[in-house]
Amino acid sequence: MIPQAGTIPQQINTPINQNMIKDIPILKVEDLAIAVVPRLEYEEDHAEFWDTWLLNLKDETIRSVLVNSRGYGIINGEERRTTTLRYFWEEIGPLEAVKIEPVQKAVFDLANEYWVSFSFNDYLYDKKYVFVAGSLDEMNFTEIPFLNRKGVMIR
């Protein structure tokens, strides 16, 4: 049935073909990490900001890389959300780190989420990395590859 102009079409209910679902491969994101790293003393605004990095730990280039970032949670009993920001790179080379964005220490009490999508070997991958509230702390530091610095990293 074709809806007439000015009318809202009813939702079409179609059964999901289970054979189609099982034919879609679900590939796990590997060799990719997000790291949040404090700035060095000589870097601008080092007392107020840390930087977020995307690390391609693969031996091959990834393409069409999109990162959505946002923060959310409760501060002083009040629900807070940051603006959702989007970043795009046509490609990130093998064993390469790229800076995503600065993170103000004031939002460390929020969950900081980075949703990464990219193409690799003709497959579109995506993964959500969430630094839970309070996790951006020196007690969670590890050595960050390529940067030769310590920070908090999720693989």
Protein backbone atom coordinates (compact mmCIF):
# COMPACT_ATOMS: atom_id res chain seq x y z
CA MET A 1 0.00 0.00 0.00
CA ILE A 2 1.37 3.42 -0.97
CA PRO A 3 0.61 6.14 1.57
CA GLN A 4 -1.16 9.25 0.38
CA ALA A 5 0.60 12.59 0.63
CA GLY A 6 0.40 14.01 4.12
CA THR A 7 -0.16 10.64 5.83
CA ILE A 8 2.26 8.72 8.00
CA PRO A 9 2.88 5.17 6.74
CA GLN A 10 2.35 2.33 9.20
CA GLN A 11 5.44 0.44 10.30
CA ILE A 12 6.08 -2.58 8.13
CA ASN A 13 6.46 -5.71 10.20
CA THR A 14 8.72 -8.21 8.47
CA PRO A 15 10.08 -11.32 10.13
CA ILE A 16 13.85 -11.42 10.47
CA ASN A 17 15.31 -14.09 8.28
CA GLN A 18 17.49 -16.12 10.66
CA ASN A 19 19.51 -17.47 7.72
CA MET A 20 20.51 -13.93 6.78
CA ILE A 21 21.61 -13.10 10.33
CA LYS A 22 23.84 -16.17 10.64
CA ASP A 23 25.49 -15.27 7.32
CA ILE A 24 26.72 -11.92 8.66
CA PRO A 25 30.17 -12.34 10.18
CA ILE A 26 30.73 -10.63 13.52
CA LEU A 27 34.44 -9.85 13.62
CA LYS A 28 36.10 -8.68 16.82
CA VAL A 29 38.14 -5.48 16.86
CA GLU A 30 41.76 -6.35 17.59
CA ASP A 31 44.99 -4.37 17.72
CA LEU A 32 43.31 -1.02 18.29
CA ALA A 33 43.39 1.01 21.49
CA ILE A 34 42.32 4.33 22.98
CA ALA A 35 44.62 5.99 25.49
CA VAL A 36 44.14 9.07 27.65
CA VAL A 37 47.52 10.56 28.56
CA PRO A 38 48.50 13.51 30.76
CA ARG A 39 50.28 16.35 29.00
CA LEU A 40 53.94 16.95 29.74
CA GLU A 41 54.89 19.94 31.89
CA TYR A 42 56.17 21.96 28.94
CA GLU A 43 52.95 21.42 26.94
CA GLU A 44 50.27 24.12 26.94
CA ASP A 45 47.58 23.82 29.65
CA HIS A 46 49.28 20.71 31.09
CA ALA A 47 47.67 21.24 34.52
CA GLU A 48 44.14 21.33 33.08
CA PHE A 49 44.14 18.89 30.13
CA TRP A 50 45.08 15.35 29.16
CA ASP A 51 45.02 14.14 25.54
CA THR A 52 43.15 11.23 23.99
CA TRP A 53 44.95 9.09 21.39
CA LEU A 54 43.85 6.39 18.97
CA LEU A 55 46.51 3.70 18.52
CA ASN A 56 46.58 1.45 15.47
CA LEU A 57 48.54 -1.55 16.76
CA LYS A 58 48.07 -3.41 13.47
CA ASP A 59 50.84 -4.00 10.95
CA GLU A 60 48.49 -2.65 8.28
CA THR A 61 46.65 0.61 7.53
CA ILE A 62 43.05 1.09 8.66
CA ARG A 63 40.77 3.29 6.56
CA SER A 64 37.70 5.52 6.91
CA VAL A 65 38.23 5.94 10.64
CA LEU A 66 35.41 7.72 12.48
CA VAL A 67 35.51 8.46 16.21
CA ASN A 68 32.51 9.78 18.16
CA SER A 69 33.32 11.09 21.61
CA ARG A 70 31.05 12.11 24.45
CA GLY A 71 30.92 12.29 28.20
CA TYR A 72 28.00 11.51 30.48
CA GLY A 73 27.21 10.90 34.13
CA ILE A 74 26.36 12.64 37.37
CA ILE A 75 28.39 15.42 38.99
CA ASN A 76 27.24 16.89 42.34
CA GLY A 77 23.91 15.07 42.04
CA GLU A 78 23.18 16.60 38.65
CA GLU A 79 23.06 14.68 35.37
CA ARG A 80 25.66 16.01 32.92
CA ARG A 81 26.41 15.39 29.25
CA THR A 82 29.12 16.80 27.05
CA THR A 83 28.71 17.64 23.40
CA THR A 84 29.14 14.70 21.04
CA LEU A 85 32.15 15.36 18.82
CA ARG A 86 33.12 13.49 15.67
CA TYR A 87 36.57 13.03 14.14
CA PHE A 88 37.50 11.45 10.81
CA TRP A 89 40.72 10.21 9.22
CA GLU A 90 40.87 8.76 5.72
CA GLU A 91 43.53 6.39 6.96
CA ILE A 92 45.77 5.67 9.92
CA GLY A 93 49.01 3.94 9.11
CA PRO A 94 50.34 0.75 10.66
CA LEU A 95 51.73 1.07 14.18
CA GLU A 96 50.65 4.71 14.34
CA ALA A 97 49.09 6.89 17.05
CA VAL A 98 46.89 9.91 16.26
CA LYS A 99 45.66 12.51 18.73
CA ILE A 100 41.88 12.60 18.97
CA GLU A 101 41.13 15.43 21.38
CA PRO A 102 42.06 17.14 24.64
CA VAL A 103 40.11 16.09 27.74
CA GLN A 104 39.59 18.57 30.54
CA LYS A 105 40.27 17.18 34.00
CA ALA A 106 36.91 18.64 35.06
CA VAL A 107 35.12 15.83 33.16
CA PHE A 108 37.12 12.94 34.72
CA ASP A 109 34.13 12.36 37.02
CA LEU A 110 32.04 11.52 33.94
CA ALA A 111 32.17 8.40 31.81
CA ASN A 112 34.16 9.30 28.68
CA GLU A 113 33.05 7.27 25.66
CA TYR A 114 34.81 6.84 22.31
CA TRP A 115 32.98 4.92 19.61
CA VAL A 116 35.39 3.95 16.83
CA SER A 117 34.39 2.71 13.37
CA PHE A 118 36.87 1.81 10.64
CA SER A 119 37.35 -0.28 7.53
CA PHE A 120 39.94 -3.05 7.40
CA ASN A 121 40.23 -5.84 4.82
CA ASP A 122 36.86 -4.91 3.26
CA TYR A 123 34.98 -5.19 6.57
CA LEU A 124 33.50 -2.37 8.64
CA TYR A 125 34.40 -2.69 12.32
CA ASP A 126 33.18 -0.73 15.29
CA LYS A 127 33.86 -0.76 19.00
CA LYS A 128 32.87 1.37 21.96
CA TYR A 129 35.59 2.26 24.47
CA VAL A 130 34.33 3.66 27.78
CA PHE A 131 36.55 5.15 30.47
CA VAL A 132 34.18 4.86 33.43
CA ALA A 133 33.87 7.75 35.86
CA GLY A 134 36.97 8.01 38.03
CA SER A 135 39.10 5.63 35.91
CA LEU A 136 41.31 8.41 34.50
CA ASP A 137 43.68 8.27 37.43
CA GLU A 138 47.40 7.61 37.91
CA MET A 139 46.64 4.35 39.75
CA ASN A 140 45.41 2.96 36.37
CA PHE A 141 48.49 4.03 34.39
CA THR A 142 50.22 1.72 31.96
CA GLU A 143 52.95 2.32 29.37
CA ILE A 144 51.38 3.64 26.15
CA PRO A 145 52.90 2.21 22.95
CA PHE A 146 54.42 4.70 20.46
CA LEU A 147 54.14 7.62 22.91
CA ASN A 148 56.72 6.42 25.45
CA ARG A 149 54.54 7.86 28.19
CA LYS A 150 52.21 6.56 30.84
CA GLY A 151 48.44 6.91 30.70
CA VAL A 152 45.19 4.96 30.88
CA MET A 153 44.55 2.64 27.93
CA ILE A 154 41.71 0.39 26.76
CA ARG A 155 42.37 -2.22 24.07
